[in-house]
Amino acid sequence: MMNVNRAKEISRMGEMVNVQYGGEAIYIQSVNEDQETARIFPLNNPQAEQNVSVDSLMEE
């Protein structure tokens, strides 16, 4: 389970970090601290953007 601060750190990094949502590799675009959500998309489908709870993300 990920926390908001780590999700923000990953979203600002210039390198890829292995993060998964529902068993799928994803990219974190941005993080909303107030709502504790992240804007993500699957690496294999960048058009499938969605907002998810930060605590549902897993760093491998």
C-alpha atoms as a PDB file:
ATOM      1  CA  MET A   1       0.000   0.000   0.000  1.00  0.00           C
ATOM      2  CA  MET A   2       1.364   3.405  -0.986  1.00  0.00           C
ATOM      3  CA  ASN A   3       1.050   6.726   0.822  1.00  0.00           C
ATOM      4  CA  VAL A   4       0.458  10.186  -0.668  1.00  0.00           C
ATOM      5  CA  ASN A   5       4.005  11.439  -0.100  1.00  0.00           C
ATOM      6  CA  ARG A   6       5.573   8.463  -1.894  1.00  0.00           C
ATOM      7  CA  ALA A   7       3.097   8.764  -4.776  1.00  0.00           C
ATOM      8  CA  LYS A   8       3.988  12.465  -5.156  1.00  0.00           C
ATOM      9  CA  GLU A   9       7.694  11.629  -5.090  1.00  0.00           C
ATOM     10  CA  ILE A  10       7.259   9.004  -7.816  1.00  0.00           C
ATOM     11  CA  SER A  11       5.156  11.330  -9.988  1.00  0.00           C
ATOM     12  CA  ARG A  12       7.954  13.927  -9.911  1.00  0.00           C
ATOM     13  CA  MET A  13      10.763  11.495 -10.762  1.00  0.00           C
ATOM     14  CA  GLY A  14      12.199  11.494 -14.240  1.00  0.00           C
ATOM     15  CA  GLU A  15      12.649   7.739 -14.200  1.00  0.00           C
ATOM     16  CA  MET A  16      10.194   4.870 -14.304  1.00  0.00           C
ATOM     17  CA  VAL A  17       9.297   3.207 -11.026  1.00  0.00           C
ATOM     18  CA  ASN A  18       7.525  -0.156 -10.988  1.00  0.00           C
ATOM     19  CA  VAL A  19       4.087   0.751  -9.613  1.00  0.00           C
ATOM     20  CA  GLN A  20       1.021  -1.403 -10.065  1.00  0.00           C
ATOM     21  CA  TYR A  21      -2.711  -0.916  -9.815  1.00  0.00           C
ATOM     22  CA  GLY A  22      -4.836  -4.047  -9.878  1.00  0.00           C
ATOM     23  CA  GLY A  23      -1.837  -6.107 -10.957  1.00  0.00           C
ATOM     24  CA  GLU A  24      -1.141  -3.865 -13.955  1.00  0.00           C
ATOM     25  CA  ALA A  25       1.940  -1.660 -14.430  1.00  0.00           C
ATOM     26  CA  ILE A  26       0.922   2.012 -14.330  1.00  0.00           C
ATOM     27  CA  TYR A  27       2.334   5.529 -14.585  1.00  0.00           C
ATOM     28  CA  ILE A  28       1.404   8.172 -11.985  1.00  0.00           C
ATOM     29  CA  GLN A  29       0.667  11.487 -13.711  1.00  0.00           C
ATOM     30  CA  SER A  30      -0.297  13.538 -10.675  1.00  0.00           C
ATOM     31  CA  VAL A  31      -1.424  13.290  -7.061  1.00  0.00           C
ATOM     32  CA  ASN A  32      -4.254  15.094  -5.274  1.00  0.00           C
ATOM     33  CA  GLU A  33      -3.134  15.360  -1.656  1.00  0.00           C
ATOM     34  CA  ASP A  34      -6.478  16.569  -0.301  1.00  0.00           C
ATOM     35  CA  GLN A  35      -8.433  13.659  -1.764  1.00  0.00           C
ATOM     36  CA  GLU A  36      -5.524  11.180  -1.490  1.00  0.00           C
ATOM     37  CA  THR A  37      -6.004  10.153  -5.118  1.00  0.00           C
ATOM     38  CA  ALA A  38      -3.653   9.718  -8.055  1.00  0.00           C
ATOM     39  CA  ARG A  39      -4.221  10.279 -11.771  1.00  0.00           C
ATOM     40  CA  ILE A  40      -2.812   7.180 -13.454  1.00  0.00           C
ATOM     41  CA  PHE A  41      -2.756   5.278 -16.716  1.00  0.00           C
ATOM     42  CA  PRO A  42      -1.647   1.758 -17.647  1.00  0.00           C
ATOM     43  CA  LEU A  43       1.750   1.675 -19.378  1.00  0.00           C
ATOM     44  CA  ASN A  44       0.258  -0.354 -22.221  1.00  0.00           C
ATOM     45  CA  ASN A  45      -2.755   1.972 -22.677  1.00  0.00           C
ATOM     46  CA  PRO A  46      -1.940   5.670 -22.023  1.00  0.00           C
ATOM     47  CA  GLN A  47      -5.423   6.770 -23.131  1.00  0.00           C
ATOM     48  CA  ALA A  48      -7.055   4.876 -20.236  1.00  0.00           C
ATOM     49  CA  GLU A  49      -6.474   7.585 -17.621  1.00  0.00           C
ATOM     50  CA  GLN A  50      -8.295   7.309 -14.309  1.00  0.00           C
ATOM     51  CA  ASN A  51      -8.294   8.648 -10.766  1.00  0.00           C
ATOM     52  CA  VAL A  52      -7.691   6.053  -8.060  1.00  0.00           C
ATOM     53  CA  SER A  53      -7.072   6.000  -4.326  1.00  0.00           C
ATOM     54  CA  VAL A  54      -3.355   6.281  -3.557  1.00  0.00           C
ATOM     55  CA  ASP A  55      -3.572   3.426  -1.054  1.00  0.00           C
ATOM     56  CA  SER A  56      -4.651   1.077  -3.870  1.00  0.00           C
ATOM     57  CA  LEU A  57      -1.253   1.486  -5.582  1.00  0.00           C
ATOM     58  CA  MET A  58       1.576  -0.962  -4.980  1.00  0.00           C
ATOM     59  CA  GLU A  59       5.283  -0.292  -5.517  1.00  0.00           C
ATOM     60  CA  GLU A  60       7.210  -3.365  -6.587  1.00  0.00           C
END
